[in-house]
PDB file of N, CA and C in Angstrom:
ATOM      1  N   MET A   1      32.054  -3.508   4.212  1.00  0.00           N
ATOM      2  CA  MET A   1      31.522  -2.228   4.621  1.00  0.00           C
ATOM      3  C   MET A   1      30.040  -2.164   4.247  1.00  0.00           C
ATOM      4  N   ALA A   2      29.242  -1.679   5.162  1.00  0.00           N
ATOM      5  CA  ALA A   2      27.801  -1.585   4.938  1.00  0.00           C
ATOM      6  C   ALA A   2      27.483  -0.431   4.003  1.00  0.00           C
ATOM      7  N   GLU A   3      26.417  -0.614   3.239  1.00  0.00           N
ATOM      8  CA  GLU A   3      25.957   0.427   2.329  1.00  0.00           C
ATOM      9  C   GLU A   3      24.494   0.736   2.651  1.00  0.00           C
ATOM     10  N   ILE A   4      24.195   2.008   2.770  1.00  0.00           N
ATOM     11  CA  ILE A   4      22.808   2.412   3.016  1.00  0.00           C
ATOM     12  C   ILE A   4      22.056   2.351   1.697  1.00  0.00           C
ATOM     13  N   LEU A   5      20.977   1.601   1.695  1.00  0.00           N
ATOM     14  CA  LEU A   5      20.160   1.450   0.498  1.00  0.00           C
ATOM     15  C   LEU A   5      18.979   2.400   0.622  1.00  0.00           C
ATOM     16  N   ARG A   6      18.924   3.372  -0.220  1.00  0.00           N
ATOM     17  CA  ARG A   6      17.851   4.373  -0.201  1.00  0.00           C
ATOM     18  C   ARG A   6      16.737   3.932  -1.148  1.00  0.00           C
ATOM     19  N   GLY A   7      15.513   4.236  -0.748  1.00  0.00           N
ATOM     20  CA  GLY A   7      14.353   3.784  -1.508  1.00  0.00           C
ATOM     21  C   GLY A   7      14.206   4.422  -2.877  1.00  0.00           C
ATOM     22  N   LYS A   8      14.475   5.728  -2.974  1.00  0.00           N
ATOM     23  CA  LYS A   8      14.229   6.432  -4.227  1.00  0.00           C
ATOM     24  C   LYS A   8      15.052   5.866  -5.388  1.00  0.00           C
ATOM     25  N   PRO A   9      16.372   5.659  -5.242  1.00  0.00           N
ATOM     26  CA  PRO A   9      17.125   5.085  -6.363  1.00  0.00           C
ATOM     27  C   PRO A   9      16.664   3.677  -6.738  1.00  0.00           C
ATOM     28  N   VAL A  10      16.264   2.908  -5.746  1.00  0.00           N
ATOM     29  CA  VAL A  10      15.768   1.552  -6.022  1.00  0.00           C
ATOM     30  C   VAL A  10      14.485   1.636  -6.837  1.00  0.00           C
ATOM     31  N   LEU A  11      13.579   2.512  -6.426  1.00  0.00           N
ATOM     32  CA  LEU A  11      12.319   2.683  -7.150  1.00  0.00           C
ATOM     33  C   LEU A  11      12.569   3.169  -8.571  1.00  0.00           C
ATOM     34  N   GLU A  12      13.459   4.128  -8.728  1.00  0.00           N
ATOM     35  CA  GLU A  12      13.764   4.632 -10.072  1.00  0.00           C
ATOM     36  C   GLU A  12      14.331   3.536 -10.960  1.00  0.00           C
ATOM     37  N   TYR A  13      15.129   2.650 -10.371  1.00  0.00           N
ATOM     38  CA  TYR A  13      15.684   1.525 -11.116  1.00  0.00           C
ATOM     39  C   TYR A  13      14.581   0.532 -11.504  1.00  0.00           C
ATOM     40  N   MET A  14      13.656   0.299 -10.587  1.00  0.00           N
ATOM     41  CA  MET A  14      12.613  -0.707 -10.803  1.00  0.00           C
ATOM     42  C   MET A  14      11.432  -0.199 -11.619  1.00  0.00           C
ATOM     43  N   ARG A  15      11.204   1.112 -11.634  1.00  0.00           N
ATOM     44  CA  ARG A  15       9.997   1.681 -12.241  1.00  0.00           C
ATOM     45  C   ARG A  15       9.748   1.212 -13.682  1.00  0.00           C
ATOM     46  N   PRO A  16      10.733   1.254 -14.597  1.00  0.00           N
ATOM     47  CA  PRO A  16      10.441   0.824 -15.975  1.00  0.00           C
ATOM     48  C   PRO A  16       9.920  -0.618 -16.066  1.00  0.00           C
ATOM     49  N   GLN A  17      10.505  -1.510 -15.303  1.00  0.00           N
ATOM     50  CA  GLN A  17      10.049  -2.896 -15.334  1.00  0.00           C
ATOM     51  C   GLN A  17       8.663  -3.028 -14.715  1.00  0.00           C
ATOM     52  N   LEU A  18       8.423  -2.297 -13.628  1.00  0.00           N
ATOM     53  CA  LEU A  18       7.103  -2.331 -12.997  1.00  0.00           C
ATOM     54  C   LEU A  18       6.038  -1.808 -13.952  1.00  0.00           C
ATOM     55  N   GLN A  19       6.333  -0.713 -14.655  1.00  0.00           N
ATOM     56  CA  GLN A  19       5.379  -0.172 -15.622  1.00  0.00           C
ATOM     57  C   GLN A  19       5.084  -1.192 -16.717  1.00  0.00           C
ATOM     58  N   LYS A  20       6.118  -1.872 -17.176  1.00  0.00           N
ATOM     59  CA  LYS A  20       5.950  -2.900 -18.208  1.00  0.00           C
ATOM     60  C   LYS A  20       5.074  -4.046 -17.684  1.00  0.00           C
ATOM     61  N   ASP A  21       5.349  -4.484 -16.450  1.00  0.00           N
ATOM     62  CA  ASP A  21       4.570  -5.573 -15.856  1.00  0.00           C
ATOM     63  C   ASP A  21       3.105  -5.179 -15.688  1.00  0.00           C
ATOM     64  N   VAL A  22       2.860  -3.953 -15.222  1.00  0.00           N
ATOM     65  CA  VAL A  22       1.488  -3.482 -15.042  1.00  0.00           C
ATOM     66  C   VAL A  22       0.769  -3.392 -16.381  1.00  0.00           C
ATOM     67  N   CYS A  23       1.463  -2.903 -17.385  1.00  0.00           N
ATOM     68  CA  CYS A  23       0.888  -2.805 -18.725  1.00  0.00           C
ATOM     69  C   CYS A  23       0.492  -4.195 -19.241  1.00  0.00           C
ATOM     70  N   GLU A  24       1.351  -5.164 -19.011  1.00  0.00           N
ATOM     71  CA  GLU A  24       1.058  -6.531 -19.448  1.00  0.00           C
ATOM     72  C   GLU A  24      -0.155  -7.088 -18.703  1.00  0.00           C
ATOM     73  N   LEU A  25      -0.211  -6.856 -17.403  1.00  0.00           N
ATOM     74  CA  LEU A  25      -1.376  -7.307 -16.636  1.00  0.00           C
ATOM     75  C   LEU A  25      -2.655  -6.667 -17.156  1.00  0.00           C
ATOM     76  N   LYS A  26      -2.602  -5.359 -17.406  1.00  0.00           N
ATOM     77  CA  LYS A  26      -3.793  -4.659 -17.893  1.00  0.00           C
ATOM     78  C   LYS A  26      -4.214  -5.166 -19.263  1.00  0.00           C
ATOM     79  N   SER A  27      -3.250  -5.542 -20.096  1.00  0.00           N
ATOM     80  CA  SER A  27      -3.595  -6.078 -21.413  1.00  0.00           C
ATOM     81  C   SER A  27      -4.292  -7.436 -21.299  1.00  0.00           C
ATOM     82  N   ASN A  28      -4.133  -8.068 -20.145  1.00  0.00           N
ATOM     83  CA  ASN A  28      -4.804  -9.333 -19.871  1.00  0.00           C
ATOM     84  C   ASN A  28      -6.049  -9.148 -18.995  1.00  0.00           C
ATOM     85  N   GLY A  29      -6.503  -7.897 -18.875  1.00  0.00           N
ATOM     86  CA  GLY A  29      -7.727  -7.618 -18.146  1.00  0.00           C
ATOM     87  C   GLY A  29      -7.581  -7.525 -16.633  1.00  0.00           C
ATOM     88  N   ILE A  30      -6.348  -7.403 -16.142  1.00  0.00           N
ATOM     89  CA  ILE A  30      -6.109  -7.326 -14.697  1.00  0.00           C
ATOM     90  C   ILE A  30      -5.520  -5.965 -14.356  1.00  0.00           C
ATOM     91  N   THR A  31      -6.209  -5.226 -13.526  1.00  0.00           N
ATOM     92  CA  THR A  31      -5.662  -3.966 -13.022  1.00  0.00           C
ATOM     93  C   THR A  31      -5.180  -4.213 -11.607  1.00  0.00           C
ATOM     94  N   PRO A  32      -3.862  -4.193 -11.384  1.00  0.00           N
ATOM     95  CA  PRO A  32      -3.360  -4.452 -10.035  1.00  0.00           C
ATOM     96  C   PRO A  32      -3.791  -3.354  -9.065  1.00  0.00           C
ATOM     97  N   VAL A  33      -4.141  -3.784  -7.863  1.00  0.00           N
ATOM     98  CA  VAL A  33      -4.640  -2.867  -6.831  1.00  0.00           C
ATOM     99  C   VAL A  33      -3.912  -3.152  -5.520  1.00  0.00           C
ATOM    100  N   LEU A  34      -3.479  -2.071  -4.870  1.00  0.00           N
ATOM    101  CA  LEU A  34      -2.852  -2.153  -3.551  1.00  0.00           C
ATOM    102  C   LEU A  34      -3.809  -1.578  -2.522  1.00  0.00           C
ATOM    103  N   ALA A  35      -4.064  -2.326  -1.454  1.00  0.00           N
ATOM    104  CA  ALA A  35      -4.858  -1.823  -0.333  1.00  0.00           C
ATOM    105  C   ALA A  35      -3.893  -1.222   0.683  1.00  0.00           C
ATOM    106  N   ILE A  36      -4.226  -0.021   1.153  1.00  0.00           N
ATOM    107  CA  ILE A  36      -3.434   0.638   2.185  1.00  0.00           C
ATOM    108  C   ILE A  36      -4.284   0.715   3.443  1.00  0.00           C
ATOM    109  N   VAL A  37      -3.758   0.178   4.539  1.00  0.00           N
ATOM    110  CA  VAL A  37      -4.448   0.197   5.827  1.00  0.00           C
ATOM    111  C   VAL A  37      -3.644   1.085   6.764  1.00  0.00           C
ATOM    112  N   ARG A  38      -4.314   2.155   7.248  1.00  0.00           N
ATOM    113  CA  ARG A  38      -3.641   3.083   8.163  1.00  0.00           C
ATOM    114  C   ARG A  38      -4.541   3.337   9.356  1.00  0.00           C
ATOM    115  N   VAL A  39      -3.946   3.250  10.554  1.00  0.00           N
ATOM    116  CA  VAL A  39      -4.664   3.544  11.793  1.00  0.00           C
ATOM    117  C   VAL A  39      -4.108   4.848  12.348  1.00  0.00           C
ATOM    118  N   GLY A  40      -4.966   5.831  12.521  1.00  0.00           N
ATOM    119  CA  GLY A  40      -4.537   7.118  13.051  1.00  0.00           C
ATOM    120  C   GLY A  40      -4.063   8.048  11.950  1.00  0.00           C
ATOM    121  N   ASP A  41      -3.600   9.228  12.380  1.00  0.00           N
ATOM    122  CA  ASP A  41      -3.189  10.274  11.439  1.00  0.00           C
ATOM    123  C   ASP A  41      -1.785  10.779  11.732  1.00  0.00           C
ATOM    124  N   ARG A  42      -0.855   9.873  11.969  1.00  0.00           N
ATOM    125  CA  ARG A  42       0.523  10.290  12.220  1.00  0.00           C
ATOM    126  C   ARG A  42       1.085  10.954  10.970  1.00  0.00           C
ATOM    127  N   GLY A  43       1.788  12.043  11.181  1.00  0.00           N
ATOM    128  CA  GLY A  43       2.325  12.806  10.061  1.00  0.00           C
ATOM    129  C   GLY A  43       3.250  12.002   9.167  1.00  0.00           C
ATOM    130  N   ASP A  44       4.126  11.182   9.762  1.00  0.00           N
ATOM    131  CA  ASP A  44       5.044  10.397   8.946  1.00  0.00           C
ATOM    132  C   ASP A  44       4.304   9.339   8.138  1.00  0.00           C
ATOM    133  N   ASP A  45       3.254   8.757   8.713  1.00  0.00           N
ATOM    134  CA  ASP A  45       2.443   7.794   7.962  1.00  0.00           C
ATOM    135  C   ASP A  45       1.728   8.474   6.800  1.00  0.00           C
ATOM    136  N   MET A  46       1.186   9.653   7.056  1.00  0.00           N
ATOM    137  CA  MET A  46       0.468  10.389   6.015  1.00  0.00           C
ATOM    138  C   MET A  46       1.409  10.730   4.856  1.00  0.00           C
ATOM    139  N   ALA A  47       2.628  11.155   5.177  1.00  0.00           N
ATOM    140  CA  ALA A  47       3.601  11.497   4.138  1.00  0.00           C
ATOM    141  C   ALA A  47       3.975  10.256   3.331  1.00  0.00           C
ATOM    142  N   TYR A  48       4.201   9.145   4.023  1.00  0.00           N
ATOM    143  CA  TYR A  48       4.570   7.901   3.326  1.00  0.00           C
ATOM    144  C   TYR A  48       3.406   7.416   2.459  1.00  0.00           C
ATOM    145  N   GLU A  49       2.196   7.501   2.993  1.00  0.00           N
ATOM    146  CA  GLU A  49       1.020   7.104   2.216  1.00  0.00           C
ATOM    147  C   GLU A  49       0.922   7.922   0.933  1.00  0.00           C
ATOM    148  N   HIS A  50       1.113   9.212   1.050  1.00  0.00           N
ATOM    149  CA  HIS A  50       1.065  10.091  -0.125  1.00  0.00           C
ATOM    150  C   HIS A  50       2.121   9.657  -1.149  1.00  0.00           C
ATOM    151  N   SER A  51       3.310   9.328  -0.683  1.00  0.00           N
ATOM    152  CA  SER A  51       4.383   8.888  -1.571  1.00  0.00           C
ATOM    153  C   SER A  51       4.023   7.569  -2.262  1.00  0.00           C
ATOM    154  N   VAL A  52       3.489   6.629  -1.511  1.00  0.00           N
ATOM    155  CA  VAL A  52       3.095   5.328  -2.077  1.00  0.00           C
ATOM    156  C   VAL A  52       2.023   5.523  -3.145  1.00  0.00           C
ATOM    157  N   ILE A  53       1.030   6.345  -2.843  1.00  0.00           N
ATOM    158  CA  ILE A  53      -0.048   6.593  -3.808  1.00  0.00           C
ATOM    159  C   ILE A  53       0.511   7.231  -5.071  1.00  0.00           C
ATOM    160  N   SER A  54       1.406   8.179  -4.914  1.00  0.00           N
ATOM    161  CA  SER A  54       2.013   8.843  -6.066  1.00  0.00           C
ATOM    162  C   SER A  54       2.781   7.857  -6.940  1.00  0.00           C
ATOM    163  N   HIS A  55       3.563   6.997  -6.307  1.00  0.00           N
ATOM    164  CA  HIS A  55       4.330   6.012  -7.075  1.00  0.00           C
ATOM    165  C   HIS A  55       3.412   4.985  -7.750  1.00  0.00           C
ATOM    166  N   CYS A  56       2.364   4.579  -7.061  1.00  0.00           N
ATOM    167  CA  CYS A  56       1.417   3.639  -7.670  1.00  0.00           C
ATOM    168  C   CYS A  56       0.724   4.276  -8.866  1.00  0.00           C
ATOM    169  N   ASP A  57       0.347   5.542  -8.744  1.00  0.00           N
ATOM    170  CA  ASP A  57      -0.259   6.254  -9.873  1.00  0.00           C
ATOM    171  C   ASP A  57       0.696   6.278 -11.064  1.00  0.00           C
ATOM    172  N   THR A  58       1.971   6.494 -10.786  1.00  0.00           N
ATOM    173  CA  THR A  58       2.976   6.575 -11.848  1.00  0.00           C
ATOM    174  C   THR A  58       3.090   5.281 -12.641  1.00  0.00           C
ATOM    175  N   ILE A  59       2.978   4.150 -11.959  1.00  0.00           N
ATOM    176  CA  ILE A  59       3.143   2.875 -12.659  1.00  0.00           C
ATOM    177  C   ILE A  59       1.814   2.237 -13.045  1.00  0.00           C
ATOM    178  N   GLY A  60       0.690   2.840 -12.635  1.00  0.00           N
ATOM    179  CA  GLY A  60      -0.612   2.342 -13.053  1.00  0.00           C
ATOM    180  C   GLY A  60      -1.282   1.371 -12.104  1.00  0.00           C
ATOM    181  N   VAL A  61      -0.830   1.338 -10.860  1.00  0.00           N
ATOM    182  CA  VAL A  61      -1.432   0.453  -9.866  1.00  0.00           C
ATOM    183  C   VAL A  61      -2.546   1.208  -9.149  1.00  0.00           C
ATOM    184  N   GLY A  62      -3.704   0.581  -9.015  1.00  0.00           N
ATOM    185  CA  GLY A  62      -4.823   1.185  -8.306  1.00  0.00           C
ATOM    186  C   GLY A  62      -4.624   1.130  -6.803  1.00  0.00           C
ATOM    187  N   ILE A  63      -5.344   1.974  -6.098  1.00  0.00           N
ATOM    188  CA  ILE A  63      -5.242   2.065  -4.640  1.00  0.00           C
ATOM    189  C   ILE A  63      -6.629   1.979  -4.024  1.00  0.00           C
ATOM    190  N   LYS A  64      -6.740   1.243  -2.938  1.00  0.00           N
ATOM    191  CA  LYS A  64      -7.922   1.265  -2.079  1.00  0.00           C
ATOM    192  C   LYS A  64      -7.415   1.596  -0.685  1.00  0.00           C
ATOM    193  N   LYS A  65      -7.924   2.706  -0.129  1.00  0.00           N
ATOM    194  CA  LYS A  65      -7.481   3.140   1.190  1.00  0.00           C
ATOM    195  C   LYS A  65      -8.493   2.725   2.257  1.00  0.00           C
ATOM    196  N   TYR A  66      -7.962   2.218   3.351  1.00  0.00           N
ATOM    197  CA  TYR A  66      -8.760   1.851   4.508  1.00  0.00           C
ATOM    198  C   TYR A  66      -8.143   2.562   5.704  1.00  0.00           C
ATOM    199  N   THR A  67      -8.835   3.567   6.215  1.00  0.00           N
ATOM    200  CA  THR A  67      -8.303   4.328   7.332  1.00  0.00           C
ATOM    201  C   THR A  67      -9.197   4.141   8.553  1.00  0.00           C
ATOM    202  N   TYR A  68      -8.548   4.052   9.692  1.00  0.00           N
ATOM    203  CA  TYR A  68      -9.242   3.844  10.960  1.00  0.00           C
ATOM    204  C   TYR A  68      -8.757   4.875  11.965  1.00  0.00           C
ATOM    205  N   SER A  69      -9.623   5.213  12.905  1.00  0.00           N
ATOM    206  CA  SER A  69      -9.235   6.156  13.951  1.00  0.00           C
ATOM    207  C   SER A  69      -8.266   5.472  14.917  1.00  0.00           C
ATOM    208  N   GLU A  70      -7.551   6.272  15.639  1.00  0.00           N
ATOM    209  CA  GLU A  70      -6.555   5.781  16.601  1.00  0.00           C
ATOM    210  C   GLU A  70      -7.188   4.869  17.654  1.00  0.00           C
ATOM    211  N   ASP A  71      -8.473   5.054  17.936  1.00  0.00           N
ATOM    212  CA  ASP A  71      -9.135   4.259  18.969  1.00  0.00           C
ATOM    213  C   ASP A  71      -9.924   3.073  18.394  1.00  0.00           C
ATOM    214  N   VAL A  72      -9.571   2.644  17.185  1.00  0.00           N
ATOM    215  CA  VAL A  72     -10.262   1.511  16.570  1.00  0.00           C
ATOM    216  C   VAL A  72     -10.105   0.274  17.456  1.00  0.00           C
ATOM    217  N   LYS A  73     -11.144  -0.505  17.518  1.00  0.00           N
ATOM    218  CA  LYS A  73     -11.113  -1.760  18.275  1.00  0.00           C
ATOM    219  C   LYS A  73     -10.439  -2.836  17.425  1.00  0.00           C
ATOM    220  N   GLN A  74      -9.726  -3.723  18.077  1.00  0.00           N
ATOM    221  CA  GLN A  74      -9.004  -4.781  17.380  1.00  0.00           C
ATOM    222  C   GLN A  74      -9.933  -5.592  16.486  1.00  0.00           C
ATOM    223  N   ASP A  75     -11.118  -5.935  16.985  1.00  0.00           N
ATOM    224  CA  ASP A  75     -12.068  -6.728  16.195  1.00  0.00           C
ATOM    225  C   ASP A  75     -12.462  -6.012  14.906  1.00  0.00           C
ATOM    226  N   GLU A  76     -12.642  -4.697  15.004  1.00  0.00           N
ATOM    227  CA  GLU A  76     -13.026  -3.912  13.826  1.00  0.00           C
ATOM    228  C   GLU A  76     -11.895  -3.902  12.794  1.00  0.00           C
ATOM    229  N   LEU A  77     -10.669  -3.741  13.264  1.00  0.00           N
ATOM    230  CA  LEU A  77      -9.526  -3.743  12.351  1.00  0.00           C
ATOM    231  C   LEU A  77      -9.354  -5.107  11.692  1.00  0.00           C
ATOM    232  N   ILE A  78      -9.477  -6.160  12.466  1.00  0.00           N
ATOM    233  CA  ILE A  78      -9.363  -7.517  11.918  1.00  0.00           C
ATOM    234  C   ILE A  78     -10.466  -7.774  10.893  1.00  0.00           C
ATOM    235  N   ALA A  79     -11.676  -7.315  11.177  1.00  0.00           N
ATOM    236  CA  ALA A  79     -12.778  -7.482  10.214  1.00  0.00           C
ATOM    237  C   ALA A  79     -12.458  -6.746   8.914  1.00  0.00           C
ATOM    238  N   GLY A  80     -11.883  -5.560   9.026  1.00  0.00           N
ATOM    239  CA  GLY A  80     -11.497  -4.812   7.832  1.00  0.00           C
ATOM    240  C   GLY A  80     -10.436  -5.538   7.024  1.00  0.00           C
ATOM    241  N   ILE A  81      -9.468  -6.113   7.707  1.00  0.00           N
ATOM    242  CA  ILE A  81      -8.407  -6.861   7.010  1.00  0.00           C
ATOM    243  C   ILE A  81      -8.976  -8.111   6.352  1.00  0.00           C
ATOM    244  N   ARG A  82      -9.924  -8.747   7.008  1.00  0.00           N
ATOM    245  CA  ARG A  82     -10.583  -9.914   6.393  1.00  0.00           C
ATOM    246  C   ARG A  82     -11.344  -9.507   5.134  1.00  0.00           C
ATOM    247  N   THR A  83     -11.987  -8.349   5.188  1.00  0.00           N
ATOM    248  CA  THR A  83     -12.696  -7.839   4.012  1.00  0.00           C
ATOM    249  C   THR A  83     -11.719  -7.656   2.852  1.00  0.00           C
ATOM    250  N   ILE A  84     -10.568  -7.086   3.133  1.00  0.00           N
ATOM    251  CA  ILE A  84      -9.545  -6.901   2.104  1.00  0.00           C
ATOM    252  C   ILE A  84      -9.092  -8.251   1.569  1.00  0.00           C
ATOM    253  N   ASN A  85      -8.829  -9.200   2.466  1.00  0.00           N
ATOM    254  CA  ASN A  85      -8.372 -10.526   2.048  1.00  0.00           C
ATOM    255  C   ASN A  85      -9.379 -11.222   1.136  1.00  0.00           C
ATOM    256  N   ASN A  86     -10.666 -10.934   1.338  1.00  0.00           N
ATOM    257  CA  ASN A  86     -11.711 -11.563   0.529  1.00  0.00           C
ATOM    258  C   ASN A  86     -12.065 -10.778  -0.732  1.00  0.00           C
ATOM    259  N   ASP A  87     -11.415  -9.644  -0.918  1.00  0.00           N
ATOM    260  CA  ASP A  87     -11.678  -8.798  -2.080  1.00  0.00           C
ATOM    261  C   ASP A  87     -10.773  -9.244  -3.231  1.00  0.00           C
ATOM    262  N   GLY A  88     -11.349  -9.886  -4.202  1.00  0.00           N
ATOM    263  CA  GLY A  88     -10.571 -10.409  -5.326  1.00  0.00           C
ATOM    264  C   GLY A  88      -9.929  -9.344  -6.198  1.00  0.00           C
ATOM    265  N   SER A  89     -10.351  -8.088  -6.036  1.00  0.00           N
ATOM    266  CA  SER A  89      -9.758  -7.020  -6.840  1.00  0.00           C
ATOM    267  C   SER A  89      -8.470  -6.472  -6.218  1.00  0.00           C
ATOM    268  N   VAL A  90      -8.154  -6.891  -4.981  1.00  0.00           N
ATOM    269  CA  VAL A  90      -6.948  -6.426  -4.293  1.00  0.00           C
ATOM    270  C   VAL A  90      -5.847  -7.467  -4.448  1.00  0.00           C
ATOM    271  N   HIS A  91      -4.670  -6.995  -4.849  1.00  0.00           N
ATOM    272  CA  HIS A  91      -3.552  -7.901  -5.113  1.00  0.00           C
ATOM    273  C   HIS A  91      -2.425  -7.796  -4.092  1.00  0.00           C
ATOM    274  N   GLY A  92      -2.461  -6.784  -3.258  1.00  0.00           N
ATOM    275  CA  GLY A  92      -1.447  -6.616  -2.217  1.00  0.00           C
ATOM    276  C   GLY A  92      -1.972  -5.672  -1.153  1.00  0.00           C
ATOM    277  N   THR A  93      -1.418  -5.793   0.044  1.00  0.00           N
ATOM    278  CA  THR A  93      -1.864  -4.967   1.164  1.00  0.00           C
ATOM    279  C   THR A  93      -0.656  -4.394   1.887  1.00  0.00           C
ATOM    280  N   LEU A  94      -0.729  -3.103   2.184  1.00  0.00           N
ATOM    281  CA  LEU A  94       0.298  -2.412   2.965  1.00  0.00           C
ATOM    282  C   LEU A  94      -0.372  -1.943   4.247  1.00  0.00           C
ATOM    283  N   ILE A  95       0.055  -2.505   5.384  1.00  0.00           N
ATOM    284  CA  ILE A  95      -0.488  -2.120   6.682  1.00  0.00           C
ATOM    285  C   ILE A  95       0.568  -1.284   7.387  1.00  0.00           C
ATOM    286  N   PHE A  96       0.206  -0.054   7.706  1.00  0.00           N
ATOM    287  CA  PHE A  96       1.139   0.843   8.380  1.00  0.00           C
ATOM    288  C   PHE A  96       1.299   0.423   9.837  1.00  0.00           C
ATOM    289  N   ARG A  97       2.537   0.449  10.288  1.00  0.00           N
ATOM    290  CA  ARG A  97       2.869   0.147  11.664  1.00  0.00           C
ATOM    291  C   ARG A  97       3.697   1.287  12.207  1.00  0.00           C
ATOM    292  N   PRO A  98       3.755   1.478  13.495  1.00  0.00           N
ATOM    293  CA  PRO A  98       3.184   0.614  14.522  1.00  0.00           C
ATOM    294  C   PRO A  98       1.682   0.848  14.675  1.00  0.00           C
ATOM    295  N   LEU A  99       1.025  -0.206  15.110  1.00  0.00           N
ATOM    296  CA  LEU A  99      -0.390  -0.101  15.437  1.00  0.00           C
ATOM    297  C   LEU A  99      -0.503   0.407  16.875  1.00  0.00           C
ATOM    298  N   PRO A 100      -1.650   0.977  17.242  1.00  0.00           N
ATOM    299  CA  PRO A 100      -1.815   1.460  18.615  1.00  0.00           C
ATOM    300  C   PRO A 100      -1.558   0.334  19.629  1.00  0.00           C
ATOM    301  N   PRO A 101      -1.059   0.664  20.807  1.00  0.00           N
ATOM    302  CA  PRO A 101      -0.693  -0.347  21.816  1.00  0.00           C
ATOM    303  C   PRO A 101      -1.757  -1.379  22.142  1.00  0.00           C
ATOM    304  N   PRO A 102      -3.053  -1.035  22.209  1.00  0.00           N
ATOM    305  CA  PRO A 102      -4.015  -2.082  22.559  1.00  0.00           C
ATOM    306  C   PRO A 102      -4.165  -3.165  21.486  1.00  0.00           C
ATOM    307  N   ILE A 103      -3.685  -2.918  20.293  1.00  0.00           N
ATOM    308  CA  ILE A 103      -3.871  -3.906  19.207  1.00  0.00           C
ATOM    309  C   ILE A 103      -2.638  -4.775  19.097  1.00  0.00           C
TER     310      ILE A 103
END
C-alpha cells in the first residue's frame, strides 16, 4: 500500500541533524548558502520560496535570491545560472519550475 510522504514531518525529523551539520560547518569557517532561482511571480512559487527561506533561517543556511521576470530571455537566465555555478560561496541551487514555455 502506498503512503503519502508529507514534507513537514520529514523536515521536522531532519531539522536537528541539519542544525548540527550546519553548526559544524560554521565552526570550520563555512556558512552554507542556498541559491534560489525563480522566474516570474506565481503565487505558489512565492509561497514555497517563503517556506524554504524560513526553514533555511531556522537551521542557519544562508540564502541568495535570483529573481527574473516572466519574459526573461534564455541567454540571460543561463548567464545567471553560470554566475551562481561560479560563486564559491553557494553550496546548492534551487531552480523553481516550470520555466516559461520559451525556455
